[in-house]
């Protein structure tokens, strides 16, 4: 089962990265009418949430570049940014590296209880594997948002 979760994570992340292959820096900054975020925010948010759900909840070191929480945490939006966010290439590189780090860190540990349990709505995540599975669902939602934004801005 371990390998299946990691393979799904690689598949989901590959889909996310493929979705932004031809997105320009300018397109990544466009906020479609009626929305509060853009493609860049969604990518950074995916990275940030995986760091929180996978590493922080398990009590492992988090690799959160400076500024990421202010730019990409839940409830943030580009309209509030006071500093320049990372380039698309930086976000993609971080996303690519992250899945390998998750696999290395949690290989054979998916049944481990998190050091800091997390409850979202009616769900309380009892294992690292449950947190990773939810993170993939979360990533899929944001990847679909990116696809929708691309259709709206092109």
N, C-alpha and C. Protein backbone atom coordinates (compact mmCIF):
# COMPACT_ATOMS: atom_id res chain seq x y z
N UNK A 1 0.82 -1.20 0.00
CA UNK A 1 0.00 0.00 0.00
C UNK A 1 0.86 1.26 0.00
N UNK A 2 2.00 1.21 0.68
CA UNK A 2 2.90 2.37 0.69
C UNK A 2 3.20 2.84 -0.71
N UNK A 3 3.63 1.91 -1.55
CA UNK A 3 4.04 2.27 -2.91
C UNK A 3 2.87 2.85 -3.69
N UNK A 4 1.67 2.34 -3.47
CA UNK A 4 0.49 2.84 -4.17
C UNK A 4 0.24 4.31 -3.84
N UNK A 5 0.34 4.68 -2.57
CA UNK A 5 0.13 6.07 -2.16
C UNK A 5 1.17 6.98 -2.80
N UNK A 6 2.43 6.55 -2.75
CA UNK A 6 3.50 7.37 -3.33
C UNK A 6 3.36 7.48 -4.84
N UNK A 7 2.94 6.41 -5.50
CA UNK A 7 2.72 6.46 -6.95
C UNK A 7 1.57 7.41 -7.29
N UNK A 8 0.53 7.39 -6.47
CA UNK A 8 -0.58 8.32 -6.69
C UNK A 8 -0.14 9.76 -6.48
N UNK A 9 0.70 9.98 -5.48
CA UNK A 9 1.23 11.31 -5.23
C UNK A 9 2.04 11.79 -6.43
N UNK A 10 2.90 10.92 -6.96
CA UNK A 10 3.69 11.26 -8.14
C UNK A 10 2.78 11.57 -9.34
N UNK A 11 1.73 10.77 -9.50
CA UNK A 11 0.78 10.97 -10.60
C UNK A 11 0.06 12.31 -10.46
N UNK A 12 -0.44 12.60 -9.26
CA UNK A 12 -1.14 13.87 -9.03
C UNK A 12 -0.22 15.05 -9.26
N UNK A 13 1.00 14.97 -8.74
CA UNK A 13 1.94 16.08 -8.89
C UNK A 13 2.35 16.25 -10.35
N UNK A 14 2.54 15.14 -11.05
CA UNK A 14 2.86 15.22 -12.48
C UNK A 14 1.76 15.93 -13.25
N UNK A 15 0.51 15.66 -12.89
CA UNK A 15 -0.62 16.33 -13.52
C UNK A 15 -0.64 17.82 -13.24
N UNK A 16 -0.32 18.18 -12.02
CA UNK A 16 -0.27 19.59 -11.65
C UNK A 16 0.80 20.31 -12.47
N UNK A 17 1.98 19.73 -12.54
CA UNK A 17 3.09 20.37 -13.25
C UNK A 17 2.80 20.44 -14.74
N UNK A 18 2.21 19.39 -15.30
CA UNK A 18 1.86 19.40 -16.73
C UNK A 18 0.85 20.50 -17.03
N UNK A 19 -0.04 20.76 -16.10
CA UNK A 19 -1.07 21.78 -16.29
C UNK A 19 -0.47 23.17 -16.49
N UNK A 20 0.69 23.43 -15.91
CA UNK A 20 1.28 24.77 -16.00
C UNK A 20 2.47 24.84 -16.96
N UNK A 21 2.70 23.78 -17.74
CA UNK A 21 3.85 23.75 -18.64
C UNK A 21 3.95 24.96 -19.56
N UNK A 22 2.85 25.40 -20.12
CA UNK A 22 2.88 26.49 -21.09
C UNK A 22 2.31 27.79 -20.55
N UNK A 23 2.20 27.89 -19.25
CA UNK A 23 1.69 29.11 -18.62
C UNK A 23 2.83 30.12 -18.53
N UNK A 24 2.56 31.35 -18.92
CA UNK A 24 3.58 32.40 -18.83
C UNK A 24 3.51 33.06 -17.45
N UNK A 25 4.57 33.79 -17.10
CA UNK A 25 4.58 34.53 -15.84
C UNK A 25 3.40 35.51 -15.79
N UNK A 26 3.13 36.14 -16.92
CA UNK A 26 2.01 37.10 -16.98
C UNK A 26 0.68 36.38 -16.74
N UNK A 27 0.47 35.25 -17.40
CA UNK A 27 -0.78 34.50 -17.21
C UNK A 27 -0.93 34.03 -15.77
N UNK A 28 0.18 33.67 -15.15
CA UNK A 28 0.14 33.17 -13.77
C UNK A 28 -0.34 34.23 -12.78
N UNK A 29 -0.25 35.49 -13.18
CA UNK A 29 -0.65 36.59 -12.30
C UNK A 29 -2.09 37.05 -12.50
N UNK A 30 -2.74 36.61 -13.55
CA UNK A 30 -4.11 37.07 -13.84
C UNK A 30 -5.09 36.44 -12.86
N UNK A 31 -5.89 37.28 -12.26
CA UNK A 31 -6.96 36.83 -11.38
C UNK A 31 -8.26 36.95 -12.18
N UNK A 32 -8.85 35.81 -12.53
CA UNK A 32 -10.09 35.87 -13.32
C UNK A 32 -11.19 36.62 -12.57
N UNK A 33 -12.02 37.28 -13.32
CA UNK A 33 -13.11 38.05 -12.73
C UNK A 33 -13.97 37.16 -11.83
N UNK A 34 -14.25 37.67 -10.65
CA UNK A 34 -15.07 36.94 -9.69
C UNK A 34 -14.28 36.04 -8.75
N UNK A 35 -12.95 36.00 -8.92
CA UNK A 35 -12.10 35.15 -8.09
C UNK A 35 -11.12 36.02 -7.31
N UNK A 36 -10.46 35.42 -6.32
CA UNK A 36 -9.51 36.18 -5.50
C UNK A 36 -8.07 35.72 -5.68
N UNK A 37 -7.86 34.60 -6.36
CA UNK A 37 -6.51 34.07 -6.51
C UNK A 37 -6.16 33.83 -7.97
N UNK A 38 -4.91 33.47 -8.20
CA UNK A 38 -4.43 33.24 -9.56
C UNK A 38 -3.69 31.90 -9.62
N UNK A 39 -3.15 31.59 -10.77
CA UNK A 39 -2.44 30.33 -10.96
C UNK A 39 -1.24 30.24 -10.04
N UNK A 40 -0.47 31.31 -9.93
CA UNK A 40 0.72 31.32 -9.07
C UNK A 40 0.33 30.99 -7.62
N UNK A 41 -0.74 31.62 -7.13
CA UNK A 41 -1.17 31.37 -5.77
C UNK A 41 -1.54 29.89 -5.59
N UNK A 42 -2.27 29.32 -6.53
CA UNK A 42 -2.68 27.93 -6.41
C UNK A 42 -1.48 26.99 -6.34
N UNK A 43 -0.45 27.23 -7.14
CA UNK A 43 0.75 26.39 -7.09
C UNK A 43 1.46 26.51 -5.74
N UNK A 44 1.64 27.73 -5.28
CA UNK A 44 2.29 27.93 -3.99
C UNK A 44 1.48 27.36 -2.84
N UNK A 45 0.17 27.44 -2.97
CA UNK A 45 -0.71 26.91 -1.94
C UNK A 45 -0.61 25.38 -1.88
N UNK A 46 -0.55 24.73 -3.03
CA UNK A 46 -0.39 23.28 -3.06
C UNK A 46 0.88 22.89 -2.30
N UNK A 47 1.98 23.57 -2.61
CA UNK A 47 3.26 23.28 -1.94
C UNK A 47 3.14 23.50 -0.43
N UNK A 48 2.60 24.64 -0.05
CA UNK A 48 2.49 25.01 1.36
C UNK A 48 1.66 24.01 2.14
N UNK A 49 0.53 23.62 1.61
CA UNK A 49 -0.35 22.68 2.31
C UNK A 49 0.31 21.31 2.44
N UNK A 50 1.00 20.86 1.41
CA UNK A 50 1.70 19.57 1.53
C UNK A 50 2.77 19.64 2.63
N UNK A 51 3.47 20.75 2.73
CA UNK A 51 4.47 20.89 3.79
C UNK A 51 3.81 20.81 5.17
N UNK A 52 2.67 21.47 5.29
CA UNK A 52 1.97 21.48 6.57
C UNK A 52 1.38 20.11 6.90
N UNK A 53 0.67 19.52 5.92
CA UNK A 53 -0.02 18.26 6.16
C UNK A 53 0.94 17.09 6.28
N UNK A 54 1.97 17.03 5.45
CA UNK A 54 2.89 15.90 5.50
C UNK A 54 3.92 16.07 6.60
N UNK A 55 4.67 17.14 6.54
CA UNK A 55 5.83 17.29 7.42
C UNK A 55 5.48 17.86 8.80
N UNK A 56 4.81 18.98 8.84
CA UNK A 56 4.53 19.62 10.13
C UNK A 56 3.71 18.73 11.04
N UNK A 57 2.66 18.11 10.52
CA UNK A 57 1.81 17.27 11.37
C UNK A 57 2.55 16.04 11.88
N UNK A 58 3.54 15.58 11.11
CA UNK A 58 4.31 14.40 11.53
C UNK A 58 5.47 14.78 12.45
N UNK A 59 5.66 16.06 12.68
CA UNK A 59 6.77 16.50 13.52
C UNK A 59 8.10 16.49 12.81
N UNK A 60 8.07 16.49 11.48
CA UNK A 60 9.28 16.50 10.66
C UNK A 60 9.63 17.94 10.27
N UNK A 61 10.89 18.20 9.94
CA UNK A 61 11.27 19.55 9.50
C UNK A 61 10.50 19.97 8.25
N UNK A 62 10.03 21.18 8.27
CA UNK A 62 9.29 21.77 7.15
C UNK A 62 10.25 22.60 6.33
N UNK A 63 10.18 22.46 5.02
CA UNK A 63 11.01 23.29 4.13
C UNK A 63 10.11 24.34 3.48
N UNK A 64 9.88 25.41 4.22
CA UNK A 64 9.01 26.47 3.76
C UNK A 64 9.86 27.70 3.45
N UNK A 65 10.02 28.00 2.17
CA UNK A 65 10.80 29.20 1.83
C UNK A 65 10.20 30.45 2.48
N UNK A 66 11.06 31.40 2.74
CA UNK A 66 10.63 32.65 3.37
C UNK A 66 9.53 33.30 2.53
N UNK A 67 8.48 33.73 3.20
CA UNK A 67 7.37 34.42 2.55
C UNK A 67 6.23 33.51 2.14
N UNK A 68 6.43 32.21 2.09
CA UNK A 68 5.39 31.31 1.57
C UNK A 68 4.12 31.34 2.39
N UNK A 69 4.24 31.39 3.70
CA UNK A 69 3.03 31.41 4.53
C UNK A 69 2.24 32.69 4.26
N UNK A 70 2.92 33.82 4.12
CA UNK A 70 2.23 35.09 3.86
C UNK A 70 1.60 35.11 2.48
N UNK A 71 2.24 34.48 1.51
CA UNK A 71 1.70 34.48 0.15
C UNK A 71 0.64 33.41 -0.06
N UNK A 72 0.87 32.19 0.48
CA UNK A 72 0.13 31.03 0.01
C UNK A 72 -0.68 30.27 1.06
N UNK A 73 -0.66 30.67 2.31
CA UNK A 73 -1.45 29.96 3.33
C UNK A 73 -2.94 30.14 3.05
N UNK A 74 -3.73 29.27 3.61
CA UNK A 74 -5.18 29.36 3.47
C UNK A 74 -5.64 30.75 3.91
N UNK A 75 -6.47 31.38 3.11
CA UNK A 75 -7.00 32.70 3.44
C UNK A 75 -6.20 33.85 2.88
N UNK A 76 -5.04 33.57 2.29
CA UNK A 76 -4.25 34.64 1.68
C UNK A 76 -4.71 34.87 0.25
N UNK A 77 -4.29 36.00 -0.31
CA UNK A 77 -4.63 36.30 -1.71
C UNK A 77 -3.62 37.30 -2.27
N UNK A 78 -3.40 37.24 -3.58
CA UNK A 78 -2.42 38.13 -4.21
C UNK A 78 -2.67 39.62 -3.97
N UNK A 79 -3.91 40.02 -3.80
CA UNK A 79 -4.21 41.44 -3.57
C UNK A 79 -3.54 41.95 -2.29
N UNK A 80 -3.21 41.06 -1.39
CA UNK A 80 -2.59 41.45 -0.11
C UNK A 80 -1.07 41.33 -0.12
N UNK A 81 -0.47 40.84 -1.21
CA UNK A 81 0.97 40.65 -1.26
C UNK A 81 1.69 42.00 -1.25
N UNK A 82 2.71 42.10 -0.43
CA UNK A 82 3.50 43.33 -0.36
C UNK A 82 4.91 43.12 -0.89
N UNK A 83 5.26 41.87 -1.18
CA UNK A 83 6.57 41.55 -1.76
C UNK A 83 6.35 40.66 -2.97
N UNK A 84 7.38 40.56 -3.77
CA UNK A 84 7.31 39.79 -5.02
C UNK A 84 7.32 38.29 -4.72
N UNK A 85 6.31 37.55 -5.21
CA UNK A 85 6.27 36.11 -4.99
C UNK A 85 7.27 35.39 -5.91
N UNK A 86 7.49 34.11 -5.67
CA UNK A 86 8.46 33.37 -6.48
C UNK A 86 8.02 33.22 -7.93
N UNK A 87 9.01 33.04 -8.80
CA UNK A 87 8.75 32.80 -10.22
C UNK A 87 8.11 31.42 -10.39
N UNK A 88 7.42 31.25 -11.50
CA UNK A 88 6.81 29.95 -11.80
C UNK A 88 7.85 28.84 -11.78
N UNK A 89 9.01 29.10 -12.36
CA UNK A 89 10.05 28.06 -12.41
C UNK A 89 10.47 27.63 -11.01
N UNK A 90 10.52 28.56 -10.07
CA UNK A 90 10.87 28.22 -8.69
C UNK A 90 9.77 27.36 -8.05
N UNK A 91 8.52 27.75 -8.28
CA UNK A 91 7.41 26.97 -7.73
C UNK A 91 7.40 25.56 -8.29
N UNK A 92 7.61 25.43 -9.60
CA UNK A 92 7.62 24.10 -10.22
C UNK A 92 8.77 23.26 -9.66
N UNK A 93 9.95 23.86 -9.51
CA UNK A 93 11.10 23.12 -8.97
C UNK A 93 10.81 22.64 -7.54
N UNK A 94 10.20 23.49 -6.73
CA UNK A 94 9.86 23.10 -5.36
C UNK A 94 8.84 21.97 -5.35
N UNK A 95 7.86 22.06 -6.22
CA UNK A 95 6.84 21.01 -6.31
C UNK A 95 7.45 19.69 -6.76
N UNK A 96 8.37 19.73 -7.70
CA UNK A 96 9.02 18.51 -8.18
C UNK A 96 9.85 17.86 -7.08
N UNK A 97 10.57 18.65 -6.34
CA UNK A 97 11.43 18.14 -5.27
C UNK A 97 10.62 17.60 -4.10
N UNK A 98 9.49 18.20 -3.86
CA UNK A 98 8.71 17.87 -2.67
C UNK A 98 8.24 16.41 -2.65
N UNK A 99 7.79 15.90 -3.76
CA UNK A 99 7.27 14.53 -3.77
C UNK A 99 8.37 13.51 -3.45
N UNK A 100 9.57 13.75 -3.97
CA UNK A 100 10.69 12.84 -3.66
C UNK A 100 11.01 12.90 -2.17
N UNK A 101 10.96 14.08 -1.58
CA UNK A 101 11.25 14.25 -0.16
C UNK A 101 10.17 13.58 0.69
N UNK A 102 8.92 13.68 0.26
CA UNK A 102 7.84 13.00 0.98
C UNK A 102 8.06 11.49 0.94
N UNK A 103 8.38 10.96 -0.22
CA UNK A 103 8.62 9.52 -0.36
C UNK A 103 9.79 9.08 0.54
N UNK A 104 10.89 9.82 0.50
CA UNK A 104 12.06 9.48 1.32
C UNK A 104 11.74 9.52 2.81
N UNK A 105 11.03 10.54 3.22
CA UNK A 105 10.75 10.74 4.65
C UNK A 105 9.75 9.72 5.19
N UNK A 106 8.74 9.40 4.40
CA UNK A 106 7.62 8.61 4.93
C UNK A 106 7.54 7.19 4.39
N UNK A 107 8.55 6.75 3.67
CA UNK A 107 8.57 5.36 3.21
C UNK A 107 8.45 4.44 4.43
N UNK A 108 7.48 3.55 4.39
CA UNK A 108 7.20 2.61 5.49
C UNK A 108 6.76 3.29 6.78
N UNK A 109 6.25 4.52 6.67
CA UNK A 109 5.76 5.23 7.87
C UNK A 109 4.34 5.73 7.69
N UNK A 110 3.64 5.28 6.67
CA UNK A 110 2.31 5.83 6.40
C UNK A 110 1.29 5.47 7.48
N UNK A 111 1.54 4.42 8.23
CA UNK A 111 0.62 4.04 9.31
C UNK A 111 0.94 4.74 10.62
N UNK A 112 1.98 5.54 10.63
CA UNK A 112 2.39 6.27 11.83
C UNK A 112 1.36 7.32 12.19
N UNK A 113 1.11 7.46 13.49
CA UNK A 113 0.22 8.53 13.96
C UNK A 113 0.94 9.85 13.84
N UNK A 114 0.23 10.90 13.42
CA UNK A 114 0.89 12.21 13.34
C UNK A 114 1.22 12.74 14.73
N UNK A 115 2.32 13.47 14.81
CA UNK A 115 2.71 14.09 16.09
C UNK A 115 1.71 15.18 16.48
N UNK A 116 1.12 15.80 15.47
CA UNK A 116 0.15 16.86 15.68
C UNK A 116 -1.10 16.52 14.87
N UNK A 117 -2.03 15.77 15.46
CA UNK A 117 -3.23 15.36 14.71
C UNK A 117 -3.98 16.57 14.14
N UNK A 118 -4.63 16.35 13.03
CA UNK A 118 -5.34 17.42 12.34
C UNK A 118 -6.79 17.02 12.13
N UNK A 119 -7.68 17.94 12.43
CA UNK A 119 -9.11 17.74 12.17
C UNK A 119 -9.57 18.83 11.22
N UNK A 120 -10.25 18.41 10.15
CA UNK A 120 -10.85 19.32 9.19
C UNK A 120 -12.31 18.92 9.06
N UNK A 121 -13.18 19.81 9.50
CA UNK A 121 -14.60 19.47 9.50
C UNK A 121 -14.82 18.21 10.32
N UNK A 122 -15.54 17.24 9.77
CA UNK A 122 -15.81 16.01 10.53
C UNK A 122 -14.66 14.99 10.49
N UNK A 123 -13.59 15.29 9.74
CA UNK A 123 -12.49 14.34 9.57
C UNK A 123 -11.35 14.61 10.53
N UNK A 124 -10.93 13.59 11.25
CA UNK A 124 -9.71 13.65 12.04
C UNK A 124 -8.77 12.62 11.44
N UNK A 125 -7.60 13.08 11.03
CA UNK A 125 -6.64 12.22 10.35
C UNK A 125 -5.81 11.49 11.39
N UNK A 126 -5.86 10.17 11.33
CA UNK A 126 -5.23 9.32 12.34
C UNK A 126 -3.82 8.86 11.96
N UNK A 127 -3.48 8.93 10.66
CA UNK A 127 -2.17 8.47 10.20
C UNK A 127 -1.58 9.44 9.19
N UNK A 128 -0.27 9.33 8.98
CA UNK A 128 0.41 10.13 7.97
C UNK A 128 -0.17 9.80 6.59
N UNK A 129 -0.47 8.54 6.33
CA UNK A 129 -1.05 8.14 5.06
C UNK A 129 -2.38 8.81 4.80
N UNK A 130 -3.22 8.93 5.82
CA UNK A 130 -4.50 9.61 5.66
C UNK A 130 -4.29 11.08 5.32
N UNK A 131 -3.31 11.70 5.94
CA UNK A 131 -3.01 13.10 5.64
C UNK A 131 -2.52 13.26 4.20
N UNK A 132 -1.68 12.34 3.73
CA UNK A 132 -1.19 12.40 2.35
C UNK A 132 -2.33 12.19 1.37
N UNK A 133 -3.22 11.26 1.67
CA UNK A 133 -4.36 11.01 0.79
C UNK A 133 -5.24 12.26 0.68
N UNK A 134 -5.48 12.91 1.80
CA UNK A 134 -6.27 14.14 1.77
C UNK A 134 -5.55 15.24 1.02
N UNK A 135 -4.24 15.32 1.18
CA UNK A 135 -3.44 16.32 0.47
C UNK A 135 -3.55 16.14 -1.04
N UNK A 136 -3.61 14.88 -1.49
CA UNK A 136 -3.76 14.63 -2.93
C UNK A 136 -5.14 15.09 -3.42
N UNK A 137 -6.16 14.86 -2.63
CA UNK A 137 -7.49 15.36 -2.96
C UNK A 137 -7.46 16.88 -3.06
N UNK A 138 -6.84 17.51 -2.08
CA UNK A 138 -6.71 18.97 -2.05
C UNK A 138 -5.95 19.46 -3.28
N UNK A 139 -4.86 18.80 -3.62
CA UNK A 139 -4.08 19.19 -4.80
C UNK A 139 -4.92 19.07 -6.07
N UNK A 140 -5.68 17.99 -6.17
CA UNK A 140 -6.54 17.81 -7.35
C UNK A 140 -7.55 18.93 -7.51
N UNK A 141 -8.11 19.40 -6.40
CA UNK A 141 -9.06 20.51 -6.46
C UNK A 141 -8.37 21.77 -7.01
N UNK A 142 -7.17 22.04 -6.52
CA UNK A 142 -6.47 23.24 -6.97
C UNK A 142 -5.93 23.10 -8.39
N UNK A 143 -5.57 21.90 -8.79
CA UNK A 143 -5.14 21.68 -10.18
C UNK A 143 -6.31 21.92 -11.12
N UNK A 144 -7.49 21.49 -10.73
CA UNK A 144 -8.67 21.75 -11.56
C UNK A 144 -8.97 23.25 -11.61
N UNK A 145 -8.75 23.96 -10.52
CA UNK A 145 -8.93 25.41 -10.51
C UNK A 145 -7.96 26.05 -11.50
N UNK A 146 -6.71 25.59 -11.51
CA UNK A 146 -5.72 26.12 -12.45
C UNK A 146 -6.18 25.88 -13.88
N UNK A 147 -6.69 24.69 -14.16
CA UNK A 147 -7.19 24.39 -15.52
C UNK A 147 -8.33 25.33 -15.90
N UNK A 148 -9.21 25.57 -14.95
CA UNK A 148 -10.34 26.48 -15.21
C UNK A 148 -9.85 27.91 -15.45
N UNK A 149 -8.90 28.37 -14.65
CA UNK A 149 -8.33 29.71 -14.83
C UNK A 149 -7.70 29.83 -16.20
N UNK A 150 -6.98 28.81 -16.63
CA UNK A 150 -6.34 28.86 -17.95
C UNK A 150 -7.40 29.05 -19.05
N UNK A 151 -8.50 28.36 -18.95
CA UNK A 151 -9.57 28.51 -19.94
C UNK A 151 -10.15 29.92 -19.93
N UNK A 152 -10.30 30.48 -18.74
CA UNK A 152 -10.88 31.82 -18.63
C UNK A 152 -9.97 32.92 -19.13
N UNK A 153 -8.65 32.74 -18.94
CA UNK A 153 -7.74 33.84 -19.30
C UNK A 153 -7.21 33.74 -20.72
N UNK A 154 -7.45 32.65 -21.38
CA UNK A 154 -6.92 32.49 -22.74
C UNK A 154 -7.98 32.76 -23.78
